Amino acid sequence: MSALRLVTAAARRAPRNFALGRRGYAEASDKINLSLVLPHQAIFTSADVVQVNLAAATGDMGILANHAPTIEPLRPGVVEVIETGNQSKKWFVSGGFATVHPNNKLTINAVEAAPLEAFSAEAVRANLQEALRVAAGNGSEEDKVEARIEADVYEALQHALSK
């Protein structure tokens, strides 16, 4: 029996009364329960928020209520938390993981995070130049790699501050 006929025959014999799970759009009243934690501090602990935008390694993504469960590595970038009343708080994170659980729960584990307004554009620019100088210099390979990582974080921070 060909594969197509086998699948068609199986589909005809399948019970017709099973429910298909369907994803829908989040309702305006739906909230997502956010926990944003660092090794030394909890920034949000089970806070109900409307939306979270984050810099995932696969690209920027917005998390609303009823989001499909997923685990995403975070790249250096901004985590924006939108609370009730469209109040927005932005944090710069150096990296970590975001886990979307069933039942509208989001956990973000970050290595380091700070409010975006805590950074000075001039200081970031100066530190970026210094990191690039070290990365291109005659130092050890370890120093160059560390400086390149530092430069990547400063470039992401500079981009976040320019928005």
Protein backbone atom coordinates (compact mmCIF):
# COMPACT_ATOMS: atom_id res chain seq x y z
CA MET A 1 0.00 0.00 0.00
CA SER A 2 1.46 3.40 -0.90
CA ALA A 3 2.27 5.85 1.89
CA LEU A 4 -0.41 8.30 0.72
CA ARG A 5 -3.14 5.63 0.74
CA LEU A 6 -1.99 4.47 4.17
CA VAL A 7 -2.22 8.00 5.62
CA THR A 8 -5.59 8.60 3.95
CA ALA A 9 -6.99 5.33 5.29
CA ALA A 10 -5.72 6.10 8.79
CA ALA A 11 -7.27 9.58 8.65
CA ARG A 12 -10.66 8.11 7.72
CA ARG A 13 -10.52 5.74 10.69
CA ALA A 14 -9.44 8.42 13.18
CA PRO A 15 -12.08 9.47 15.70
CA ARG A 16 -13.85 12.65 14.70
CA ASN A 17 -14.52 13.88 18.22
CA PHE A 18 -11.00 14.85 19.32
CA ALA A 19 -10.28 18.53 19.90
CA LEU A 20 -7.50 20.26 18.07
CA GLY A 21 -5.44 22.70 20.10
CA ARG A 22 -5.37 26.08 18.42
CA ARG A 23 -3.25 29.10 19.19
CA GLY A 24 -5.08 32.37 19.32
CA TYR A 25 -4.12 35.95 19.85
CA ALA A 26 -3.58 37.25 23.37
CA GLU A 27 -6.49 39.14 24.78
CA ALA A 28 -5.85 42.66 26.02
CA SER A 29 -6.57 41.58 29.58
CA ASP A 30 -4.17 38.62 29.45
CA LYS A 31 -0.95 39.01 31.40
CA ILE A 32 2.29 37.12 31.46
CA ASN A 33 3.88 36.27 34.80
CA LEU A 34 7.51 37.49 34.62
CA SER A 35 10.50 36.58 36.74
CA LEU A 36 13.73 38.37 35.74
CA VAL A 37 16.58 37.17 37.93
CA LEU A 38 20.32 37.63 38.19
CA PRO A 39 22.68 35.48 40.25
CA HIS A 40 22.72 38.18 42.95
CA GLN A 41 19.32 39.90 42.56
CA ALA A 42 15.70 39.39 41.53
CA ILE A 43 14.51 42.32 39.40
CA PHE A 44 10.98 40.98 38.81
CA THR A 45 9.49 38.18 40.89
CA SER A 46 6.25 36.77 39.49
CA ALA A 47 5.13 40.19 38.24
CA ASP A 48 2.12 40.35 35.92
CA VAL A 49 3.09 42.27 32.78
CA VAL A 50 1.50 42.84 29.38
CA GLN A 51 4.50 42.12 27.11
CA VAL A 52 8.23 41.44 27.22
CA ASN A 53 10.51 42.21 24.26
CA LEU A 54 13.92 40.59 24.33
CA ALA A 55 17.09 40.12 22.29
CA ALA A 56 17.20 36.38 21.62
CA ALA A 57 20.16 34.78 19.85
CA THR A 58 17.81 33.95 16.94
CA GLY A 59 16.51 37.52 16.70
CA ASP A 60 14.40 40.03 18.59
CA MET A 61 11.14 38.63 19.90
CA GLY A 62 8.08 39.84 21.74
CA ILE A 63 6.43 37.63 24.35
CA LEU A 64 2.71 38.03 25.02
CA ALA A 65 0.31 35.92 27.01
CA ASN A 66 -0.41 32.50 25.47
CA HIS A 67 3.01 32.38 23.78
CA ALA A 68 4.18 28.94 22.73
CA PRO A 69 6.58 27.38 25.25
CA THR A 70 10.23 27.84 24.26
CA ILE A 71 13.74 28.27 25.59
CA GLU A 72 15.81 31.03 23.99
CA PRO A 73 19.44 31.99 24.62
CA LEU A 74 19.82 35.75 24.99
CA ARG A 75 22.46 37.86 23.30
CA PRO A 76 23.66 41.17 24.77
CA GLY A 77 20.76 43.57 24.31
CA VAL A 78 17.66 45.15 25.76
CA VAL A 79 14.88 43.42 27.67
CA GLU A 80 11.85 45.72 27.56
CA VAL A 81 9.07 45.05 30.04
CA ILE A 82 5.71 46.63 29.22
CA GLU A 83 3.48 46.85 32.25
CA THR A 84 -0.19 47.73 32.57
CA GLY A 85 -0.92 51.21 31.22
CA ASN A 86 1.85 50.90 28.59
CA GLN A 87 4.55 51.80 31.11
CA SER A 88 7.84 50.52 29.74
CA LYS A 89 11.01 49.59 31.64
CA LYS A 90 14.19 48.76 29.72
CA TRP A 91 17.09 46.72 31.04
CA PHE A 92 20.34 45.94 29.27
CA VAL A 93 21.36 42.31 29.75
CA SER A 94 24.75 40.84 28.91
CA GLY A 95 23.33 37.40 28.10
CA GLY A 96 21.37 34.56 29.62
CA PHE A 97 18.28 32.47 28.87
CA ALA A 98 14.57 33.14 28.54
CA THR A 99 12.15 30.30 29.20
CA VAL A 100 8.50 30.61 28.23
CA HIS A 101 6.54 28.10 30.30
CA PRO A 102 2.94 27.00 29.73
CA ASN A 103 0.30 28.96 31.62
CA ASN A 104 1.64 32.44 30.74
CA LYS A 105 4.87 32.23 32.72
CA LEU A 106 8.22 33.70 31.56
CA THR A 107 11.51 33.27 33.39
CA ILE A 108 14.58 35.25 32.32
CA ASN A 109 17.90 34.24 33.87
CA ALA A 110 20.54 36.85 33.03
CA VAL A 111 24.21 37.02 33.92
CA GLU A 112 24.15 40.80 34.44
CA ALA A 113 21.48 43.45 33.90
CA ALA A 114 21.15 47.16 34.54
CA PRO A 115 18.52 49.79 33.72
CA LEU A 116 19.24 51.27 30.30
CA GLU A 117 19.18 54.82 31.67
CA ALA A 118 22.10 53.95 33.99
CA PHE A 119 24.53 54.05 31.04
CA SER A 120 26.32 57.07 29.62
CA ALA A 121 26.68 57.13 25.84
CA GLU A 122 30.05 58.88 26.15
CA ALA A 123 31.42 56.28 28.59
CA VAL A 124 30.19 53.44 26.38
CA ARG A 125 31.83 55.02 23.33
CA ALA A 126 35.16 55.47 25.17
CA ASN A 127 35.11 51.92 26.57
CA LEU A 128 34.27 50.51 23.14
CA GLN A 129 37.26 52.29 21.60
CA GLU A 130 39.54 50.93 24.34
CA ALA A 131 38.23 47.37 23.86
CA LEU A 132 38.74 47.60 20.09
CA ARG A 133 42.28 48.92 20.63
CA VAL A 134 43.15 45.97 22.89
CA ALA A 135 41.52 43.47 20.50
CA ALA A 136 43.64 44.78 17.62
CA GLY A 137 46.81 45.12 19.72
CA ASN A 138 49.82 42.94 20.33
CA GLY A 139 48.61 41.41 23.61
CA SER A 140 48.09 37.74 24.35
CA GLU A 141 45.45 35.78 22.47
CA GLU A 142 43.42 35.54 25.69
CA ASP A 143 43.47 39.34 26.13
CA LYS A 144 42.37 39.80 22.52
CA VAL A 145 39.46 37.37 22.85
CA GLU A 146 38.29 38.99 26.10
CA ALA A 147 38.53 42.44 24.49
CA ARG A 148 36.51 41.24 21.46
CA ILE A 149 33.75 39.93 23.75
CA GLU A 150 33.81 43.21 25.66
CA ALA A 151 33.62 45.14 22.37
CA ASP A 152 30.61 43.06 21.26
CA VAL A 153 28.76 43.93 24.47
CA TYR A 154 29.65 47.64 24.16
CA GLU A 155 28.50 47.66 20.52
CA ALA A 156 25.14 46.15 21.55
CA LEU A 157 24.88 48.70 24.38
CA GLN A 158 25.74 51.56 22.03
CA HIS A 159 23.05 50.38 19.63
CA ALA A 160 20.50 50.16 22.45
CA LEU A 161 21.31 53.71 23.61
CA SER A 162 20.95 55.11 20.08
CA LYS A 163 17.31 53.99 19.78
